[in-house]
């Protein structure tokens, strides 16, 4: 409200994209710059995908429920049911189309949580899951680089993948299945419930339509289709973080030259 925006101010707001910037501007005064994700911009984009590999972005957390305001959602409803529906479809799809399903683990750095994550997906899938082996300081981004298709539910890494123009499916069904509109694709932007590469609808026929499209579409057409959705309003991609560096240079002066 007006009291809030007159109370709080910053010099700069570096946000993922203009839709988030507009949202923050309702509550905070300052110069808004759409800079994308600093980590995503930092990791070099490489186009060396393994053909036929579908990489699912895990959002595994411990067995706890979820609060949205005062409403409590059980772990089963919020996490397990949506993910089980997606995996039911993915497992059928890879079998029928001779593809390979690999999971990008969330818990790379915690051995105990990593083993719990494997148990979680084993129970959902009914078979031993194949995980990407973590490597380097930013293994999730490297895994995205090496897959042909990325699949996410509502993970930031899914959007970061799309920002890099990686062919990515977003099955953002958690919100629809639990009555939470802010979990829909593109929030807080105004995106349809279904698009070329996303859906908020828990419908496996739509999942398959999207997967078929991503495997069949040419790189050139994919980039055109991506531009037509105005996805960059959700997340920009600024390789090398030129926007952030220019602000630092403006405010702090040029970086000291390296000693030789």
C-alpha atoms as a PDB file:
ATOM      1  CA  UNK A   1       0.000   0.000   0.000  1.00  0.00           C
ATOM      2  CA  UNK A   2       1.003   3.686  -0.168  1.00  0.00           C
ATOM      3  CA  UNK A   3       2.264   3.689   3.438  1.00  0.00           C
ATOM      4  CA  UNK A   4       4.569   0.763   2.701  1.00  0.00           C
ATOM      5  CA  UNK A   5       6.037   2.234  -0.468  1.00  0.00           C
ATOM      6  CA  UNK A   6       6.695   5.576   1.235  1.00  0.00           C
ATOM      7  CA  UNK A   7       8.476   3.801   4.117  1.00  0.00           C
ATOM      8  CA  UNK A   8      10.825   1.382   2.332  1.00  0.00           C
ATOM      9  CA  UNK A   9      13.269   2.171  -0.427  1.00  0.00           C
ATOM     10  CA  UNK A  10      16.414   0.755  -2.021  1.00  0.00           C
ATOM     11  CA  UNK A  11      18.826   2.071  -4.627  1.00  0.00           C
ATOM     12  CA  UNK A  12      18.450  -0.930  -6.927  1.00  0.00           C
ATOM     13  CA  UNK A  13      16.258  -3.988  -7.188  1.00  0.00           C
ATOM     14  CA  UNK A  14      17.851  -6.679  -9.344  1.00  0.00           C
ATOM     15  CA  UNK A  15      14.992  -9.023 -10.153  1.00  0.00           C
ATOM     16  CA  UNK A  16      14.504 -12.124 -12.313  1.00  0.00           C
ATOM     17  CA  UNK A  17      12.192 -10.322 -14.766  1.00  0.00           C
ATOM     18  CA  UNK A  18       9.837  -7.387 -15.237  1.00  0.00           C
ATOM     19  CA  UNK A  19       6.763  -9.167 -13.796  1.00  0.00           C
ATOM     20  CA  UNK A  20       8.517  -9.676 -10.457  1.00  0.00           C
ATOM     21  CA  UNK A  21       9.907  -6.141 -10.632  1.00  0.00           C
ATOM     22  CA  UNK A  22       6.411  -4.735 -11.068  1.00  0.00           C
ATOM     23  CA  UNK A  23       5.239  -6.735  -8.058  1.00  0.00           C
ATOM     24  CA  UNK A  24       8.062  -5.519  -5.809  1.00  0.00           C
ATOM     25  CA  UNK A  25       7.468  -1.936  -6.957  1.00  0.00           C
ATOM     26  CA  UNK A  26       4.081  -2.007  -5.248  1.00  0.00           C
ATOM     27  CA  UNK A  27       5.792  -2.241  -1.877  1.00  0.00           C
ATOM     28  CA  UNK A  28       9.290  -0.880  -2.368  1.00  0.00           C
ATOM     29  CA  UNK A  29      10.652   2.254  -3.972  1.00  0.00           C
ATOM     30  CA  UNK A  30      13.804   1.952  -6.081  1.00  0.00           C
ATOM     31  CA  UNK A  31      15.365   1.464  -9.477  1.00  0.00           C
ATOM     32  CA  UNK A  32      14.170  -1.887 -10.874  1.00  0.00           C
ATOM     33  CA  UNK A  33      16.473  -3.785 -13.202  1.00  0.00           C
ATOM     34  CA  UNK A  34      15.613  -7.137 -14.782  1.00  0.00           C
ATOM     35  CA  UNK A  35      18.914  -8.982 -14.398  1.00  0.00           C
ATOM     36  CA  UNK A  36      17.835 -12.627 -14.347  1.00  0.00           C
ATOM     37  CA  UNK A  37      19.373 -15.119 -11.931  1.00  0.00           C
ATOM     38  CA  UNK A  38      22.946 -14.240 -10.956  1.00  0.00           C
ATOM     39  CA  UNK A  39      23.957 -17.918 -10.668  1.00  0.00           C
ATOM     40  CA  UNK A  40      22.306 -18.825 -13.967  1.00  0.00           C
ATOM     41  CA  UNK A  41      24.051 -15.936 -15.691  1.00  0.00           C
ATOM     42  CA  UNK A  42      27.386 -16.958 -14.187  1.00  0.00           C
ATOM     43  CA  UNK A  43      27.424 -20.583 -15.361  1.00  0.00           C
ATOM     44  CA  UNK A  44      28.440 -20.789 -18.989  1.00  0.00           C
ATOM     45  CA  UNK A  45      25.806 -22.058 -21.407  1.00  0.00           C
ATOM     46  CA  UNK A  46      26.941 -25.107 -23.343  1.00  0.00           C
ATOM     47  CA  UNK A  47      24.887 -26.847 -25.976  1.00  0.00           C
ATOM     48  CA  UNK A  48      26.143 -30.420 -25.670  1.00  0.00           C
ATOM     49  CA  UNK A  49      22.974 -32.349 -24.795  1.00  0.00           C
ATOM     50  CA  UNK A  50      22.809 -36.114 -24.586  1.00  0.00           C
ATOM     51  CA  UNK A  51      20.143 -37.165 -27.120  1.00  0.00           C
ATOM     52  CA  UNK A  52      17.018 -38.720 -25.645  1.00  0.00           C
ATOM     53  CA  UNK A  53      17.733 -37.692 -22.045  1.00  0.00           C
ATOM     54  CA  UNK A  54      14.866 -36.204 -20.025  1.00  0.00           C
ATOM     55  CA  UNK A  55      16.166 -34.563 -16.837  1.00  0.00           C
ATOM     56  CA  UNK A  56      13.632 -34.011 -14.050  1.00  0.00           C
ATOM     57  CA  UNK A  57      14.402 -31.200 -11.598  1.00  0.00           C
ATOM     58  CA  UNK A  58      13.950 -32.511  -8.060  1.00  0.00           C
ATOM     59  CA  UNK A  59      12.548 -30.233  -5.349  1.00  0.00           C
ATOM     60  CA  UNK A  60      12.921 -32.852  -2.618  1.00  0.00           C
ATOM     61  CA  UNK A  61      12.467 -31.729   0.963  1.00  0.00           C
ATOM     62  CA  UNK A  62      11.965 -33.590   4.195  1.00  0.00           C
ATOM     63  CA  UNK A  63       8.583 -35.120   4.982  1.00  0.00           C
ATOM     64  CA  UNK A  64       6.905 -31.946   6.216  1.00  0.00           C
ATOM     65  CA  UNK A  65       3.724 -30.164   5.210  1.00  0.00           C
ATOM     66  CA  UNK A  66       3.415 -26.713   3.728  1.00  0.00           C
ATOM     67  CA  UNK A  67       1.700 -23.544   4.969  1.00  0.00           C
ATOM     68  CA  UNK A  68       0.249 -20.984   2.561  1.00  0.00           C
ATOM     69  CA  UNK A  69      -0.960 -18.193   4.822  1.00  0.00           C
ATOM     70  CA  UNK A  70      -3.026 -19.946   7.477  1.00  0.00           C
ATOM     71  CA  UNK A  71      -3.820 -22.974   5.317  1.00  0.00           C
ATOM     72  CA  UNK A  72      -1.880 -26.191   5.879  1.00  0.00           C
ATOM     73  CA  UNK A  73      -1.232 -28.643   3.058  1.00  0.00           C
ATOM     74  CA  UNK A  74      -0.051 -32.148   3.813  1.00  0.00           C
ATOM     75  CA  UNK A  75       3.210 -33.484   2.377  1.00  0.00           C
ATOM     76  CA  UNK A  76       1.187 -36.091   0.503  1.00  0.00           C
ATOM     77  CA  UNK A  77      -1.072 -33.510  -1.168  1.00  0.00           C
ATOM     78  CA  UNK A  78       1.521 -30.822  -1.801  1.00  0.00           C
ATOM     79  CA  UNK A  79       4.508 -32.914  -2.888  1.00  0.00           C
ATOM     80  CA  UNK A  80       3.830 -36.599  -3.402  1.00  0.00           C
ATOM     81  CA  UNK A  81       0.590 -36.587  -5.430  1.00  0.00           C
ATOM     82  CA  UNK A  82       1.663 -34.021  -8.055  1.00  0.00           C
ATOM     83  CA  UNK A  83       5.118 -35.591  -8.460  1.00  0.00           C
ATOM     84  CA  UNK A  84       3.722 -39.128  -8.627  1.00  0.00           C
ATOM     85  CA  UNK A  85       1.363 -38.066 -11.442  1.00  0.00           C
ATOM     86  CA  UNK A  86       4.230 -36.503 -13.403  1.00  0.00           C
ATOM     87  CA  UNK A  87       6.447 -39.562 -12.912  1.00  0.00           C
ATOM     88  CA  UNK A  88       3.685 -41.948 -13.912  1.00  0.00           C
ATOM     89  CA  UNK A  89       3.621 -40.127 -17.246  1.00  0.00           C
ATOM     90  CA  UNK A  90       7.388 -39.731 -17.639  1.00  0.00           C
ATOM     91  CA  UNK A  91       8.109 -43.386 -16.972  1.00  0.00           C
ATOM     92  CA  UNK A  92       5.538 -44.461 -19.542  1.00  0.00           C
ATOM     93  CA  UNK A  93       6.858 -41.915 -22.033  1.00  0.00           C
ATOM     94  CA  UNK A  94      10.515 -42.982 -21.817  1.00  0.00           C
ATOM     95  CA  UNK A  95       9.547 -46.644 -22.148  1.00  0.00           C
ATOM     96  CA  UNK A  96       7.323 -46.093 -25.191  1.00  0.00           C
ATOM     97  CA  UNK A  97       9.689 -43.660 -26.924  1.00  0.00           C
ATOM     98  CA  UNK A  98      13.076 -45.174 -26.073  1.00  0.00           C
ATOM     99  CA  UNK A  99      14.207 -42.209 -23.969  1.00  0.00           C
ATOM    100  CA  UNK A 100      16.141 -42.056 -20.701  1.00  0.00           C
ATOM    101  CA  UNK A 101      14.870 -40.449 -17.485  1.00  0.00           C
ATOM    102  CA  UNK A 102      17.420 -38.939 -15.126  1.00  0.00           C
ATOM    103  CA  UNK A 103      16.780 -36.923 -11.945  1.00  0.00           C
ATOM    104  CA  UNK A 104      18.715 -33.757 -11.117  1.00  0.00           C
ATOM    105  CA  UNK A 105      19.033 -34.148  -7.330  1.00  0.00           C
ATOM    106  CA  UNK A 106      18.366 -31.233  -5.035  1.00  0.00           C
ATOM    107  CA  UNK A 107      20.375 -32.512  -2.077  1.00  0.00           C
ATOM    108  CA  UNK A 108      23.825 -32.714  -3.684  1.00  0.00           C
ATOM    109  CA  UNK A 109      25.768 -31.578  -0.642  1.00  0.00           C
ATOM    110  CA  UNK A 110      24.090 -33.404   2.242  1.00  0.00           C
ATOM    111  CA  UNK A 111      24.799 -37.144   2.155  1.00  0.00           C
ATOM    112  CA  UNK A 112      21.965 -38.085   4.527  1.00  0.00           C
ATOM    113  CA  UNK A 113      19.379 -35.990   2.656  1.00  0.00           C
ATOM    114  CA  UNK A 114      20.715 -37.253  -0.682  1.00  0.00           C
ATOM    115  CA  UNK A 115      20.055 -40.850   0.403  1.00  0.00           C
ATOM    116  CA  UNK A 116      16.549 -39.860   1.607  1.00  0.00           C
ATOM    117  CA  UNK A 117      15.942 -38.230  -1.778  1.00  0.00           C
ATOM    118  CA  UNK A 118      16.815 -41.500  -3.521  1.00  0.00           C
ATOM    119  CA  UNK A 119      14.410 -43.419  -1.264  1.00  0.00           C
ATOM    120  CA  UNK A 120      11.650 -40.876  -2.004  1.00  0.00           C
ATOM    121  CA  UNK A 121      11.955 -41.280  -5.786  1.00  0.00           C
ATOM    122  CA  UNK A 122      12.379 -45.048  -5.520  1.00  0.00           C
ATOM    123  CA  UNK A 123       9.021 -45.210  -3.717  1.00  0.00           C
ATOM    124  CA  UNK A 124       7.324 -42.945  -6.264  1.00  0.00           C
ATOM    125  CA  UNK A 125       8.788 -44.759  -9.292  1.00  0.00           C
ATOM    126  CA  UNK A 126       8.792 -48.337  -8.024  1.00  0.00           C
ATOM    127  CA  UNK A 127      12.276 -48.793  -9.530  1.00  0.00           C
ATOM    128  CA  UNK A 128      15.787 -47.559  -8.741  1.00  0.00           C
ATOM    129  CA  UNK A 129      16.028 -43.909  -9.876  1.00  0.00           C
ATOM    130  CA  UNK A 130      18.950 -42.721 -11.972  1.00  0.00           C
ATOM    131  CA  UNK A 131      20.464 -39.534 -10.534  1.00  0.00           C
ATOM    132  CA  UNK A 132      22.873 -37.176 -12.217  1.00  0.00           C
ATOM    133  CA  UNK A 133      26.208 -37.437 -10.468  1.00  0.00           C
ATOM    134  CA  UNK A 134      27.030 -34.017  -8.985  1.00  0.00           C
ATOM    135  CA  UNK A 135      30.114 -32.391 -10.471  1.00  0.00           C
ATOM    136  CA  UNK A 136      31.585 -28.913 -10.192  1.00  0.00           C
ATOM    137  CA  UNK A 137      30.357 -26.047  -8.034  1.00  0.00           C
ATOM    138  CA  UNK A 138      26.976 -25.678  -9.817  1.00  0.00           C
ATOM    139  CA  UNK A 139      25.949 -29.251 -10.687  1.00  0.00           C
ATOM    140  CA  UNK A 140      22.270 -28.454 -11.359  1.00  0.00           C
ATOM    141  CA  UNK A 141      23.142 -26.048 -14.150  1.00  0.00           C
ATOM    142  CA  UNK A 142      25.669 -28.458 -15.644  1.00  0.00           C
ATOM    143  CA  UNK A 143      23.007 -31.181 -15.599  1.00  0.00           C
ATOM    144  CA  UNK A 144      20.598 -28.870 -17.437  1.00  0.00           C
ATOM    145  CA  UNK A 145      23.262 -28.286 -20.095  1.00  0.00           C
ATOM    146  CA  UNK A 146      23.709 -32.011 -20.667  1.00  0.00           C
ATOM    147  CA  UNK A 147      20.035 -33.057 -21.051  1.00  0.00           C
ATOM    148  CA  UNK A 148      18.045 -32.892 -24.273  1.00  0.00           C
ATOM    149  CA  UNK A 149      14.820 -31.997 -22.434  1.00  0.00           C
ATOM    150  CA  UNK A 150      14.359 -30.631 -18.899  1.00  0.00           C
ATOM    151  CA  UNK A 151      11.133 -31.205 -16.934  1.00  0.00           C
ATOM    152  CA  UNK A 152      10.178 -29.192 -13.851  1.00  0.00           C
ATOM    153  CA  UNK A 153       7.072 -28.666 -11.752  1.00  0.00           C
ATOM    154  CA  UNK A 154       7.603 -25.218 -10.243  1.00  0.00           C
ATOM    155  CA  UNK A 155      11.335 -25.080  -9.582  1.00  0.00           C
ATOM    156  CA  UNK A 156      13.366 -21.925 -10.208  1.00  0.00           C
ATOM    157  CA  UNK A 157      15.889 -24.109 -12.029  1.00  0.00           C
ATOM    158  CA  UNK A 158      13.163 -24.916 -14.557  1.00  0.00           C
ATOM    159  CA  UNK A 159      12.723 -21.222 -15.332  1.00  0.00           C
ATOM    160  CA  UNK A 160      16.484 -20.709 -15.370  1.00  0.00           C
ATOM    161  CA  UNK A 161      16.713 -23.533 -17.892  1.00  0.00           C
ATOM    162  CA  UNK A 162      14.135 -21.854 -20.146  1.00  0.00           C
ATOM    163  CA  UNK A 163      15.960 -18.514 -19.820  1.00  0.00           C
ATOM    164  CA  UNK A 164      19.009 -20.269 -21.286  1.00  0.00           C
ATOM    165  CA  UNK A 165      16.765 -21.362 -24.204  1.00  0.00           C
ATOM    166  CA  UNK A 166      16.980 -25.003 -23.131  1.00  0.00           C
ATOM    167  CA  UNK A 167      13.948 -27.018 -24.261  1.00  0.00           C
ATOM    168  CA  UNK A 168      12.015 -27.330 -21.014  1.00  0.00           C
ATOM    169  CA  UNK A 169       8.590 -28.612 -19.953  1.00  0.00           C
ATOM    170  CA  UNK A 170       6.897 -27.072 -16.915  1.00  0.00           C
ATOM    171  CA  UNK A 171       4.090 -29.172 -15.442  1.00  0.00           C
ATOM    172  CA  UNK A 172       3.064 -26.602 -12.823  1.00  0.00           C
ATOM    173  CA  UNK A 173       0.212 -28.650 -11.377  1.00  0.00           C
ATOM    174  CA  UNK A 174       0.947 -28.242  -7.673  1.00  0.00           C
ATOM    175  CA  UNK A 175      -1.124 -25.066  -7.521  1.00  0.00           C
ATOM    176  CA  UNK A 176      -4.124 -26.461  -9.393  1.00  0.00           C
ATOM    177  CA  UNK A 177      -4.162 -29.628  -7.275  1.00  0.00           C
ATOM    178  CA  UNK A 178      -4.048 -27.591  -4.060  1.00  0.00           C
ATOM    179  CA  UNK A 179      -5.916 -24.386  -4.973  1.00  0.00           C
ATOM    180  CA  UNK A 180      -2.820 -22.145  -4.914  1.00  0.00           C
ATOM    181  CA  UNK A 181      -2.767 -19.756  -7.888  1.00  0.00           C
ATOM    182  CA  UNK A 182       0.695 -18.413  -7.029  1.00  0.00           C
ATOM    183  CA  UNK A 183       2.093 -21.842  -7.954  1.00  0.00           C
ATOM    184  CA  UNK A 184       0.809 -21.559 -11.519  1.00  0.00           C
ATOM    185  CA  UNK A 185       3.223 -21.076 -14.383  1.00  0.00           C
ATOM    186  CA  UNK A 186       4.359 -17.498 -14.842  1.00  0.00           C
ATOM    187  CA  UNK A 187       3.119 -16.081 -11.539  1.00  0.00           C
ATOM    188  CA  UNK A 188       2.987 -13.129 -10.925  1.00  0.00           C
ATOM    189  CA  UNK A 189       2.695 -12.576 -14.669  1.00  0.00           C
ATOM    190  CA  UNK A 190      -0.494 -13.150 -16.628  1.00  0.00           C
ATOM    191  CA  UNK A 191       0.086 -16.435 -18.467  1.00  0.00           C
ATOM    192  CA  UNK A 192      -2.532 -18.866 -19.779  1.00  0.00           C
ATOM    193  CA  UNK A 193      -3.155 -22.166 -17.989  1.00  0.00           C
ATOM    194  CA  UNK A 194      -1.568 -23.961 -20.937  1.00  0.00           C
ATOM    195  CA  UNK A 195       1.072 -22.994 -23.473  1.00  0.00           C
ATOM    196  CA  UNK A 196       3.483 -24.649 -25.905  1.00  0.00           C
ATOM    197  CA  UNK A 197       5.750 -25.956 -23.129  1.00  0.00           C
ATOM    198  CA  UNK A 198       3.766 -25.561 -19.919  1.00  0.00           C
ATOM    199  CA  UNK A 199       0.495 -26.515 -18.281  1.00  0.00           C
ATOM    200  CA  UNK A 200      -1.191 -25.937 -14.933  1.00  0.00           C
ATOM    201  CA  UNK A 201      -3.568 -28.805 -15.661  1.00  0.00           C
ATOM    202  CA  UNK A 202      -2.923 -32.254 -14.123  1.00  0.00           C
ATOM    203  CA  UNK A 203      -3.584 -33.994 -17.425  1.00  0.00           C
ATOM    204  CA  UNK A 204      -1.126 -36.614 -18.718  1.00  0.00           C
ATOM    205  CA  UNK A 205      -2.369 -36.192 -22.311  1.00  0.00           C
ATOM    206  CA  UNK A 206      -1.171 -32.572 -22.159  1.00  0.00           C
ATOM    207  CA  UNK A 207       2.146 -33.682 -20.623  1.00  0.00           C
ATOM    208  CA  UNK A 208       2.695 -36.033 -23.561  1.00  0.00           C
ATOM    209  CA  UNK A 209       1.719 -33.349 -26.093  1.00  0.00           C
ATOM    210  CA  UNK A 210       4.356 -31.031 -24.570  1.00  0.00           C
ATOM    211  CA  UNK A 211       7.069 -33.711 -24.480  1.00  0.00           C
ATOM    212  CA  UNK A 212       6.387 -34.667 -28.108  1.00  0.00           C
ATOM    213  CA  UNK A 213       6.573 -30.998 -29.119  1.00  0.00           C
ATOM    214  CA  UNK A 214       9.905 -30.457 -27.341  1.00  0.00           C
ATOM    215  CA  UNK A 215      11.520 -33.519 -28.896  1.00  0.00           C
ATOM    216  CA  UNK A 216      10.251 -32.657 -32.379  1.00  0.00           C
ATOM    217  CA  UNK A 217      10.618 -28.856 -32.567  1.00  0.00           C
ATOM    218  CA  UNK A 218      13.734 -27.464 -34.264  1.00  0.00           C
ATOM    219  CA  UNK A 219      16.067 -25.202 -32.275  1.00  0.00           C
ATOM    220  CA  UNK A 220      15.150 -22.251 -34.493  1.00  0.00           C
ATOM    221  CA  UNK A 221      11.393 -22.773 -34.097  1.00  0.00           C
ATOM    222  CA  UNK A 222      11.777 -23.355 -30.342  1.00  0.00           C
ATOM    223  CA  UNK A 223      13.470 -19.977 -29.940  1.00  0.00           C
ATOM    224  CA  UNK A 224      10.735 -18.281 -31.987  1.00  0.00           C
ATOM    225  CA  UNK A 225       8.014 -19.981 -29.940  1.00  0.00           C
ATOM    226  CA  UNK A 226       9.804 -19.015 -26.729  1.00  0.00           C
ATOM    227  CA  UNK A 227      10.046 -15.359 -27.766  1.00  0.00           C
ATOM    228  CA  UNK A 228       6.341 -15.325 -28.679  1.00  0.00           C
ATOM    229  CA  UNK A 229       5.367 -16.302 -25.111  1.00  0.00           C
ATOM    230  CA  UNK A 230       7.132 -13.237 -23.622  1.00  0.00           C
ATOM    231  CA  UNK A 231       8.934 -15.590 -21.215  1.00  0.00           C
ATOM    232  CA  UNK A 232      11.743 -13.058 -20.693  1.00  0.00           C
ATOM    233  CA  UNK A 233       9.282 -10.998 -18.612  1.00  0.00           C
ATOM    234  CA  UNK A 234       9.571 -13.828 -16.063  1.00  0.00           C
ATOM    235  CA  UNK A 235      13.312 -14.311 -16.266  1.00  0.00           C
ATOM    236  CA  UNK A 236      15.956 -12.556 -18.292  1.00  0.00           C
ATOM    237  CA  UNK A 237      19.252 -14.129 -19.227  1.00  0.00           C
ATOM    238  CA  UNK A 238      22.337 -11.936 -18.923  1.00  0.00           C
ATOM    239  CA  UNK A 239      25.433 -14.075 -19.562  1.00  0.00           C
ATOM    240  CA  UNK A 240      28.333 -12.897 -17.453  1.00  0.00           C
ATOM    241  CA  UNK A 241      26.068 -10.681 -15.283  1.00  0.00           C
ATOM    242  CA  UNK A 242      26.870  -7.529 -17.274  1.00  0.00           C
ATOM    243  CA  UNK A 243      23.991  -5.603 -15.659  1.00  0.00           C
ATOM    244  CA  UNK A 244      25.112  -6.399 -12.119  1.00  0.00           C
ATOM    245  CA  UNK A 245      28.766  -5.653 -12.944  1.00  0.00           C
ATOM    246  CA  UNK A 246      27.855  -2.292 -14.485  1.00  0.00           C
ATOM    247  CA  UNK A 247      26.044  -1.276 -11.291  1.00  0.00           C
ATOM    248  CA  UNK A 248      29.022  -2.297  -9.160  1.00  0.00           C
ATOM    249  CA  UNK A 249      31.326  -0.297 -11.416  1.00  0.00           C
ATOM    250  CA  UNK A 250      29.038   2.716 -11.337  1.00  0.00           C
ATOM    251  CA  UNK A 251      28.764   2.674  -7.540  1.00  0.00           C
ATOM    252  CA  UNK A 252      32.223   1.398  -6.543  1.00  0.00           C
ATOM    253  CA  UNK A 253      34.420   2.317  -9.489  1.00  0.00           C
ATOM    254  CA  UNK A 254      36.216  -0.049 -11.826  1.00  0.00           C
ATOM    255  CA  UNK A 255      37.537  -3.293 -10.347  1.00  0.00           C
ATOM    256  CA  UNK A 256      41.198  -3.244  -9.338  1.00  0.00           C
ATOM    257  CA  UNK A 257      43.438  -4.598 -12.067  1.00  0.00           C
ATOM    258  CA  UNK A 258      44.916  -7.989 -11.311  1.00  0.00           C
ATOM    259  CA  UNK A 259      48.537  -7.985 -10.277  1.00  0.00           C
ATOM    260  CA  UNK A 260      50.784  -9.785 -12.761  1.00  0.00           C
END
